[in-house]
């Protein structure tokens, strides 16, 4: 049995209860060492075999899983955040299906949620944005042309941009080409929820300079949008004049 487990955004106590229990019962753990907080390995039981997938390719990862399965062992594949986002889990699950190996997927807290927490931000403010676009810049791994940053920026929605800290000059240009003003609020959230968390508020026009001045080169999320400003409409949900299934309106 293989369990894909979301490790959460970094803080060792932001893994789910289910995820921690699976780590504690695993015979083998393969963790994404370049991104997962190694403090999470404290949940592993004594004698558990631990592998760092940052040093492995897909074939090597699969061989460890297959070997564990042959020996009747339970494997936890520990991915950062929630592995549904940039986790490269589909290819692993498809191979497990080919080999007839059972697997399950335990979700985790995504780093984009931790970034909002670090900013004390709400991504979907009434009157400002009701849509969150999660994306990344094209780099060594391309993105579909229809999903380039400038096209997505044209919506003016909240954007959370992964895997792009090393391309902030280009990102600023793409965001402005798509319609964001140079002064649009933005933030760089470095290792949100980790002990070394760093949050830098800035604007679309000075993302690169902000990163340089704060020595941020990787492992950061970029948040863009007017939800980082101060103007928004109050929610109808708690408006006393707004009637719901559970509450009568009051004058």
C-alpha atoms as a PDB file:
ATOM      1  CA  UNK A   1       0.000   0.000   0.000  1.00  0.00           C
ATOM      2  CA  UNK A   2       1.244   3.466  -0.888  1.00  0.00           C
ATOM      3  CA  UNK A   3      -0.135   6.592   0.782  1.00  0.00           C
ATOM      4  CA  UNK A   4       0.442   9.959  -0.849  1.00  0.00           C
ATOM      5  CA  UNK A   5       0.443  12.473   1.990  1.00  0.00           C
ATOM      6  CA  UNK A   6       0.355  16.244   1.858  1.00  0.00           C
ATOM      7  CA  UNK A   7       2.968  17.498   4.319  1.00  0.00           C
ATOM      8  CA  UNK A   8       1.418  20.939   4.647  1.00  0.00           C
ATOM      9  CA  UNK A   9       3.160  24.259   3.946  1.00  0.00           C
ATOM     10  CA  UNK A  10       6.113  23.806   6.282  1.00  0.00           C
ATOM     11  CA  UNK A  11       5.275  24.150   9.961  1.00  0.00           C
ATOM     12  CA  UNK A  12       5.504  20.699  11.500  1.00  0.00           C
ATOM     13  CA  UNK A  13       2.120  21.063  13.243  1.00  0.00           C
ATOM     14  CA  UNK A  14       0.278  22.014  10.041  1.00  0.00           C
ATOM     15  CA  UNK A  15       0.204  18.467   8.724  1.00  0.00           C
ATOM     16  CA  UNK A  16      -3.237  16.903   9.081  1.00  0.00           C
ATOM     17  CA  UNK A  17      -3.943  14.466  11.906  1.00  0.00           C
ATOM     18  CA  UNK A  18      -4.475  11.736   9.318  1.00  0.00           C
ATOM     19  CA  UNK A  19      -1.183  12.565   7.631  1.00  0.00           C
ATOM     20  CA  UNK A  20       0.730  12.440  10.914  1.00  0.00           C
ATOM     21  CA  UNK A  21      -0.834   9.070  11.760  1.00  0.00           C
ATOM     22  CA  UNK A  22       0.142   7.672   8.372  1.00  0.00           C
ATOM     23  CA  UNK A  23       3.726   8.867   8.853  1.00  0.00           C
ATOM     24  CA  UNK A  24       3.761   7.195  12.255  1.00  0.00           C
ATOM     25  CA  UNK A  25       2.662   3.842  10.844  1.00  0.00           C
ATOM     26  CA  UNK A  26       4.795   3.845   7.685  1.00  0.00           C
ATOM     27  CA  UNK A  27       7.515   1.259   7.060  1.00  0.00           C
ATOM     28  CA  UNK A  28       9.002   3.414   4.294  1.00  0.00           C
ATOM     29  CA  UNK A  29       8.867   7.200   3.802  1.00  0.00           C
ATOM     30  CA  UNK A  30       9.902   8.912   0.574  1.00  0.00           C
ATOM     31  CA  UNK A  31       9.851  12.651   1.186  1.00  0.00           C
ATOM     32  CA  UNK A  32      10.492  15.639  -1.063  1.00  0.00           C
ATOM     33  CA  UNK A  33      13.585  16.836   0.760  1.00  0.00           C
ATOM     34  CA  UNK A  34      14.021  20.042  -1.228  1.00  0.00           C
ATOM     35  CA  UNK A  35      10.692  21.391   0.034  1.00  0.00           C
ATOM     36  CA  UNK A  36       9.349  19.355   2.961  1.00  0.00           C
ATOM     37  CA  UNK A  37      10.367  20.447   6.450  1.00  0.00           C
ATOM     38  CA  UNK A  38      12.594  17.619   7.777  1.00  0.00           C
ATOM     39  CA  UNK A  39      11.123  18.237  11.235  1.00  0.00           C
ATOM     40  CA  UNK A  40       8.077  16.299  10.009  1.00  0.00           C
ATOM     41  CA  UNK A  41      10.159  13.141  10.070  1.00  0.00           C
ATOM     42  CA  UNK A  42       9.826  13.196  13.854  1.00  0.00           C
ATOM     43  CA  UNK A  43       6.484  11.464  13.284  1.00  0.00           C
ATOM     44  CA  UNK A  44       8.247   8.452  11.757  1.00  0.00           C
ATOM     45  CA  UNK A  45       8.516   5.371  13.926  1.00  0.00           C
ATOM     46  CA  UNK A  46      11.848   3.868  14.889  1.00  0.00           C
ATOM     47  CA  UNK A  47      13.234   1.633  12.163  1.00  0.00           C
ATOM     48  CA  UNK A  48      11.348   3.320   9.335  1.00  0.00           C
ATOM     49  CA  UNK A  49      13.299   3.498   6.065  1.00  0.00           C
ATOM     50  CA  UNK A  50      13.560   7.123   4.890  1.00  0.00           C
ATOM     51  CA  UNK A  51      14.466   8.298   1.384  1.00  0.00           C
ATOM     52  CA  UNK A  52      14.959  11.841   0.092  1.00  0.00           C
ATOM     53  CA  UNK A  53      13.341  12.076  -3.351  1.00  0.00           C
ATOM     54  CA  UNK A  54      15.240  15.296  -4.134  1.00  0.00           C
ATOM     55  CA  UNK A  55      18.163  12.978  -4.886  1.00  0.00           C
ATOM     56  CA  UNK A  56      16.087  10.496  -6.902  1.00  0.00           C
ATOM     57  CA  UNK A  57      14.449  10.283 -10.326  1.00  0.00           C
ATOM     58  CA  UNK A  58      11.004   8.815 -10.999  1.00  0.00           C
ATOM     59  CA  UNK A  59      12.343   5.336 -11.744  1.00  0.00           C
ATOM     60  CA  UNK A  60      14.298   5.268  -8.471  1.00  0.00           C
ATOM     61  CA  UNK A  61      11.271   6.427  -6.492  1.00  0.00           C
ATOM     62  CA  UNK A  62       9.132   3.729  -8.090  1.00  0.00           C
ATOM     63  CA  UNK A  63      11.731   1.042  -7.397  1.00  0.00           C
ATOM     64  CA  UNK A  64      11.640   1.867  -3.670  1.00  0.00           C
ATOM     65  CA  UNK A  65       7.831   1.640  -3.724  1.00  0.00           C
ATOM     66  CA  UNK A  66       7.873  -1.639  -5.630  1.00  0.00           C
ATOM     67  CA  UNK A  67      10.487  -3.149  -3.323  1.00  0.00           C
ATOM     68  CA  UNK A  68       8.451  -2.131  -0.276  1.00  0.00           C
ATOM     69  CA  UNK A  69       5.329  -3.648  -1.814  1.00  0.00           C
ATOM     70  CA  UNK A  70       7.108  -6.933  -2.504  1.00  0.00           C
ATOM     71  CA  UNK A  71       8.072  -7.057   1.177  1.00  0.00           C
ATOM     72  CA  UNK A  72       4.556  -6.248   2.368  1.00  0.00           C
ATOM     73  CA  UNK A  73       5.509  -2.823   3.681  1.00  0.00           C
ATOM     74  CA  UNK A  74       3.451   0.369   3.768  1.00  0.00           C
ATOM     75  CA  UNK A  75       4.976   3.389   2.011  1.00  0.00           C
ATOM     76  CA  UNK A  76       4.226   7.070   2.585  1.00  0.00           C
ATOM     77  CA  UNK A  77       5.098   9.358  -0.307  1.00  0.00           C
ATOM     78  CA  UNK A  78       5.370  12.729   1.450  1.00  0.00           C
ATOM     79  CA  UNK A  79       4.847  15.755  -0.771  1.00  0.00           C
ATOM     80  CA  UNK A  80       4.946  19.429   0.176  1.00  0.00           C
ATOM     81  CA  UNK A  81       1.716  21.376   0.733  1.00  0.00           C
ATOM     82  CA  UNK A  82      -1.126  19.567  -0.950  1.00  0.00           C
ATOM     83  CA  UNK A  83       0.290  17.416  -3.752  1.00  0.00           C
ATOM     84  CA  UNK A  84      -2.570  18.262  -6.106  1.00  0.00           C
ATOM     85  CA  UNK A  85      -0.655  21.477  -6.885  1.00  0.00           C
ATOM     86  CA  UNK A  86       2.619  20.946  -8.771  1.00  0.00           C
ATOM     87  CA  UNK A  87       3.109  17.640  -6.974  1.00  0.00           C
ATOM     88  CA  UNK A  88       3.807  15.375  -9.977  1.00  0.00           C
ATOM     89  CA  UNK A  89       1.685  12.659  -8.361  1.00  0.00           C
ATOM     90  CA  UNK A  90      -0.408  11.652 -11.379  1.00  0.00           C
ATOM     91  CA  UNK A  91       2.545   9.939 -13.069  1.00  0.00           C
ATOM     92  CA  UNK A  92       3.298   7.998  -9.890  1.00  0.00           C
ATOM     93  CA  UNK A  93      -0.314   6.926  -9.396  1.00  0.00           C
ATOM     94  CA  UNK A  94      -0.597   5.815 -13.021  1.00  0.00           C
ATOM     95  CA  UNK A  95       2.487   3.611 -12.639  1.00  0.00           C
ATOM     96  CA  UNK A  96       1.137   2.127  -9.411  1.00  0.00           C
ATOM     97  CA  UNK A  97      -2.079   1.278 -11.273  1.00  0.00           C
ATOM     98  CA  UNK A  98      -0.053  -0.471 -13.958  1.00  0.00           C
ATOM     99  CA  UNK A  99       1.641  -2.594 -11.297  1.00  0.00           C
ATOM    100  CA  UNK A 100      -1.655  -3.268  -9.520  1.00  0.00           C
ATOM    101  CA  UNK A 101      -0.505  -1.576  -6.313  1.00  0.00           C
ATOM    102  CA  UNK A 102      -3.163  -0.002  -4.106  1.00  0.00           C
ATOM    103  CA  UNK A 103      -2.738   3.640  -3.120  1.00  0.00           C
ATOM    104  CA  UNK A 104      -4.609   6.441  -1.379  1.00  0.00           C
ATOM    105  CA  UNK A 105      -4.157  10.195  -1.250  1.00  0.00           C
ATOM    106  CA  UNK A 106      -4.281  12.188   2.001  1.00  0.00           C
ATOM    107  CA  UNK A 107      -4.677  15.913   1.294  1.00  0.00           C
ATOM    108  CA  UNK A 108      -2.642  18.593   3.018  1.00  0.00           C
ATOM    109  CA  UNK A 109      -2.700  22.328   3.700  1.00  0.00           C
ATOM    110  CA  UNK A 110      -1.398  24.112   0.601  1.00  0.00           C
ATOM    111  CA  UNK A 111       1.261  26.792   0.837  1.00  0.00           C
ATOM    112  CA  UNK A 112      -1.111  29.241  -0.866  1.00  0.00           C
ATOM    113  CA  UNK A 113      -3.291  28.967   2.253  1.00  0.00           C
ATOM    114  CA  UNK A 114      -0.261  29.540   4.472  1.00  0.00           C
ATOM    115  CA  UNK A 115       0.643  32.597   2.390  1.00  0.00           C
ATOM    116  CA  UNK A 116      -2.805  34.084   3.034  1.00  0.00           C
ATOM    117  CA  UNK A 117      -2.336  33.384   6.723  1.00  0.00           C
ATOM    118  CA  UNK A 118       1.054  35.092   6.759  1.00  0.00           C
ATOM    119  CA  UNK A 119      -0.538  38.150   5.138  1.00  0.00           C
ATOM    120  CA  UNK A 120      -3.724  38.073   7.242  1.00  0.00           C
ATOM    121  CA  UNK A 121      -5.419  38.238   3.854  1.00  0.00           C
ATOM    122  CA  UNK A 122      -8.695  37.049   2.373  1.00  0.00           C
ATOM    123  CA  UNK A 123      -8.306  36.128  -1.272  1.00  0.00           C
ATOM    124  CA  UNK A 124     -11.986  36.628  -2.127  1.00  0.00           C
ATOM    125  CA  UNK A 125     -13.038  40.070  -0.902  1.00  0.00           C
ATOM    126  CA  UNK A 126     -16.542  41.255  -1.915  1.00  0.00           C
ATOM    127  CA  UNK A 127     -16.397  43.977  -4.513  1.00  0.00           C
ATOM    128  CA  UNK A 128     -12.719  43.324  -5.228  1.00  0.00           C
ATOM    129  CA  UNK A 129     -12.153  39.740  -6.349  1.00  0.00           C
ATOM    130  CA  UNK A 130     -14.145  36.538  -6.151  1.00  0.00           C
ATOM    131  CA  UNK A 131     -11.645  34.464  -8.096  1.00  0.00           C
ATOM    132  CA  UNK A 132      -8.212  33.086  -7.223  1.00  0.00           C
ATOM    133  CA  UNK A 133      -5.869  32.169 -10.068  1.00  0.00           C
ATOM    134  CA  UNK A 134      -3.108  29.750  -9.058  1.00  0.00           C
ATOM    135  CA  UNK A 135      -0.391  29.575 -11.676  1.00  0.00           C
ATOM    136  CA  UNK A 136       3.326  29.784 -12.427  1.00  0.00           C
ATOM    137  CA  UNK A 137       5.687  31.379 -14.907  1.00  0.00           C
ATOM    138  CA  UNK A 138       6.936  29.323 -17.820  1.00  0.00           C
ATOM    139  CA  UNK A 139      10.532  28.272 -17.242  1.00  0.00           C
ATOM    140  CA  UNK A 140      12.376  25.034 -17.896  1.00  0.00           C
ATOM    141  CA  UNK A 141       8.935  23.466 -17.684  1.00  0.00           C
ATOM    142  CA  UNK A 142       6.552  25.218 -20.095  1.00  0.00           C
ATOM    143  CA  UNK A 143       2.940  26.210 -19.501  1.00  0.00           C
ATOM    144  CA  UNK A 144       0.203  26.116 -22.159  1.00  0.00           C
ATOM    145  CA  UNK A 145       0.276  29.303 -24.253  1.00  0.00           C
ATOM    146  CA  UNK A 146      -3.340  30.068 -23.355  1.00  0.00           C
ATOM    147  CA  UNK A 147      -2.266  30.183 -19.682  1.00  0.00           C
ATOM    148  CA  UNK A 148       0.536  32.718 -19.960  1.00  0.00           C
ATOM    149  CA  UNK A 149       0.697  35.245 -17.126  1.00  0.00           C
ATOM    150  CA  UNK A 150      -0.407  38.253 -19.190  1.00  0.00           C
ATOM    151  CA  UNK A 151      -3.545  36.428 -20.379  1.00  0.00           C
ATOM    152  CA  UNK A 152      -4.488  35.431 -16.835  1.00  0.00           C
ATOM    153  CA  UNK A 153      -3.677  38.893 -15.476  1.00  0.00           C
ATOM    154  CA  UNK A 154      -6.289  40.380 -17.815  1.00  0.00           C
ATOM    155  CA  UNK A 155      -8.986  39.095 -15.427  1.00  0.00           C
ATOM    156  CA  UNK A 156      -7.806  41.387 -12.626  1.00  0.00           C
ATOM    157  CA  UNK A 157      -8.460  38.598 -10.127  1.00  0.00           C
ATOM    158  CA  UNK A 158      -6.346  37.574  -7.154  1.00  0.00           C
ATOM    159  CA  UNK A 159      -3.273  35.706  -8.369  1.00  0.00           C
ATOM    160  CA  UNK A 160      -1.040  33.339  -6.405  1.00  0.00           C
ATOM    161  CA  UNK A 161       2.075  32.529  -8.387  1.00  0.00           C
ATOM    162  CA  UNK A 162       4.194  29.481  -7.588  1.00  0.00           C
ATOM    163  CA  UNK A 163       7.685  28.531  -8.733  1.00  0.00           C
ATOM    164  CA  UNK A 164       8.569  31.935 -10.157  1.00  0.00           C
ATOM    165  CA  UNK A 165      10.799  33.703  -7.618  1.00  0.00           C
ATOM    166  CA  UNK A 166      13.789  33.530  -9.939  1.00  0.00           C
ATOM    167  CA  UNK A 167      11.905  35.311 -12.741  1.00  0.00           C
ATOM    168  CA  UNK A 168      10.453  38.366 -11.010  1.00  0.00           C
ATOM    169  CA  UNK A 169      11.554  40.924 -13.610  1.00  0.00           C
ATOM    170  CA  UNK A 170       9.742  38.965 -16.288  1.00  0.00           C
ATOM    171  CA  UNK A 171       6.782  38.350 -13.991  1.00  0.00           C
ATOM    172  CA  UNK A 172       6.306  42.076 -13.344  1.00  0.00           C
ATOM    173  CA  UNK A 173       6.410  42.768 -17.083  1.00  0.00           C
ATOM    174  CA  UNK A 174       3.868  40.028 -17.819  1.00  0.00           C
ATOM    175  CA  UNK A 175       1.515  41.180 -15.061  1.00  0.00           C
ATOM    176  CA  UNK A 176       1.591  44.789 -16.287  1.00  0.00           C
ATOM    177  CA  UNK A 177       1.199  43.695 -19.906  1.00  0.00           C
ATOM    178  CA  UNK A 178      -1.935  41.869 -18.841  1.00  0.00           C
ATOM    179  CA  UNK A 179      -3.491  44.922 -17.231  1.00  0.00           C
ATOM    180  CA  UNK A 180      -2.303  45.205 -13.630  1.00  0.00           C
ATOM    181  CA  UNK A 181      -1.160  48.731 -12.805  1.00  0.00           C
ATOM    182  CA  UNK A 182       2.424  49.177 -11.640  1.00  0.00           C
ATOM    183  CA  UNK A 183       1.073  50.224  -8.222  1.00  0.00           C
ATOM    184  CA  UNK A 184      -1.138  47.140  -7.757  1.00  0.00           C
ATOM    185  CA  UNK A 185      -0.422  45.652  -4.300  1.00  0.00           C
ATOM    186  CA  UNK A 186       1.667  42.490  -4.236  1.00  0.00           C
ATOM    187  CA  UNK A 187       3.563  40.413  -1.699  1.00  0.00           C
ATOM    188  CA  UNK A 188       6.415  37.941  -1.602  1.00  0.00           C
ATOM    189  CA  UNK A 189       5.828  35.216   0.979  1.00  0.00           C
ATOM    190  CA  UNK A 190       9.018  33.312   1.692  1.00  0.00           C
ATOM    191  CA  UNK A 191       8.602  29.938   3.410  1.00  0.00           C
ATOM    192  CA  UNK A 192       5.156  30.776   4.791  1.00  0.00           C
ATOM    193  CA  UNK A 193       4.577  29.045   8.169  1.00  0.00           C
ATOM    194  CA  UNK A 194       8.238  27.991   8.557  1.00  0.00           C
ATOM    195  CA  UNK A 195      10.239  29.402  11.509  1.00  0.00           C
ATOM    196  CA  UNK A 196      12.214  31.511   9.001  1.00  0.00           C
ATOM    197  CA  UNK A 197       9.065  32.899   7.327  1.00  0.00           C
ATOM    198  CA  UNK A 198       9.526  36.293   5.692  1.00  0.00           C
ATOM    199  CA  UNK A 199       6.694  38.423   4.273  1.00  0.00           C
ATOM    200  CA  UNK A 200       7.500  41.383   2.033  1.00  0.00           C
ATOM    201  CA  UNK A 201       4.688  43.645   0.854  1.00  0.00           C
ATOM    202  CA  UNK A 202       5.374  45.571  -2.309  1.00  0.00           C
ATOM    203  CA  UNK A 203       3.761  46.359  -5.658  1.00  0.00           C
ATOM    204  CA  UNK A 204       3.669  44.690  -9.049  1.00  0.00           C
ATOM    205  CA  UNK A 205       6.255  47.158 -10.315  1.00  0.00           C
ATOM    206  CA  UNK A 206       8.927  46.436  -7.697  1.00  0.00           C
ATOM    207  CA  UNK A 207       8.711  42.700  -7.113  1.00  0.00           C
ATOM    208  CA  UNK A 208      12.275  42.097  -8.286  1.00  0.00           C
ATOM    209  CA  UNK A 209      13.829  44.889  -6.218  1.00  0.00           C
ATOM    210  CA  UNK A 210      11.933  43.741  -3.121  1.00  0.00           C
ATOM    211  CA  UNK A 211      13.237  40.198  -3.510  1.00  0.00           C
ATOM    212  CA  UNK A 212      16.823  41.403  -4.025  1.00  0.00           C
ATOM    213  CA  UNK A 213      16.679  43.743  -1.024  1.00  0.00           C
ATOM    214  CA  UNK A 214      15.443  40.915   1.174  1.00  0.00           C
ATOM    215  CA  UNK A 215      17.738  38.222  -0.268  1.00  0.00           C
ATOM    216  CA  UNK A 216      14.839  36.039  -1.436  1.00  0.00           C
ATOM    217  CA  UNK A 217      15.821  33.783  -4.316  1.00  0.00           C
ATOM    218  CA  UNK A 218      13.511  30.768  -4.088  1.00  0.00           C
ATOM    219  CA  UNK A 219      10.841  28.972  -2.000  1.00  0.00           C
ATOM    220  CA  UNK A 220       8.450  31.916  -2.097  1.00  0.00           C
ATOM    221  CA  UNK A 221       4.938  32.544  -3.343  1.00  0.00           C
ATOM    222  CA  UNK A 222       3.937  35.761  -5.074  1.00  0.00           C
ATOM    223  CA  UNK A 223       0.493  37.156  -4.246  1.00  0.00           C
ATOM    224  CA  UNK A 224      -0.946  39.857  -6.498  1.00  0.00           C
ATOM    225  CA  UNK A 225      -4.181  41.798  -6.356  1.00  0.00           C
ATOM    226  CA  UNK A 226      -6.213  44.566  -4.808  1.00  0.00           C
ATOM    227  CA  UNK A 227      -7.312  42.229  -2.024  1.00  0.00           C
ATOM    228  CA  UNK A 228      -4.023  43.325  -0.437  1.00  0.00           C
ATOM    229  CA  UNK A 229      -5.378  46.886  -0.301  1.00  0.00           C
ATOM    230  CA  UNK A 230      -7.878  48.382   2.121  1.00  0.00           C
ATOM    231  CA  UNK A 231     -10.979  48.984  -0.007  1.00  0.00           C
ATOM    232  CA  UNK A 232     -13.682  46.317  -0.140  1.00  0.00           C
ATOM    233  CA  UNK A 233     -17.404  45.790   0.419  1.00  0.00           C
ATOM    234  CA  UNK A 234     -18.779  44.141   3.542  1.00  0.00           C
ATOM    235  CA  UNK A 235     -20.070  40.599   3.159  1.00  0.00           C
ATOM    236  CA  UNK A 236     -23.807  40.124   2.681  1.00  0.00           C
ATOM    237  CA  UNK A 237     -23.568  36.955   4.712  1.00  0.00           C
ATOM    238  CA  UNK A 238     -23.490  38.848   8.007  1.00  0.00           C
ATOM    239  CA  UNK A 239     -25.437  41.929   6.934  1.00  0.00           C
ATOM    240  CA  UNK A 240     -28.364  42.280   9.345  1.00  0.00           C
ATOM    241  CA  UNK A 241     -30.649  43.304   6.467  1.00  0.00           C
ATOM    242  CA  UNK A 242     -29.755  40.194   4.450  1.00  0.00           C
ATOM    243  CA  UNK A 243     -32.075  37.244   5.072  1.00  0.00           C
ATOM    244  CA  UNK A 244     -30.766  33.684   4.886  1.00  0.00           C
ATOM    245  CA  UNK A 245     -32.153  30.203   5.428  1.00  0.00           C
ATOM    246  CA  UNK A 246     -30.998  30.424   9.046  1.00  0.00           C
ATOM    247  CA  UNK A 247     -31.538  34.070   9.967  1.00  0.00           C
ATOM    248  CA  UNK A 248     -34.337  36.595   9.489  1.00  0.00           C
ATOM    249  CA  UNK A 249     -33.457  40.068   8.212  1.00  0.00           C
ATOM    250  CA  UNK A 250     -33.568  42.981  10.639  1.00  0.00           C
ATOM    251  CA  UNK A 251     -34.213  46.614   9.890  1.00  0.00           C
END
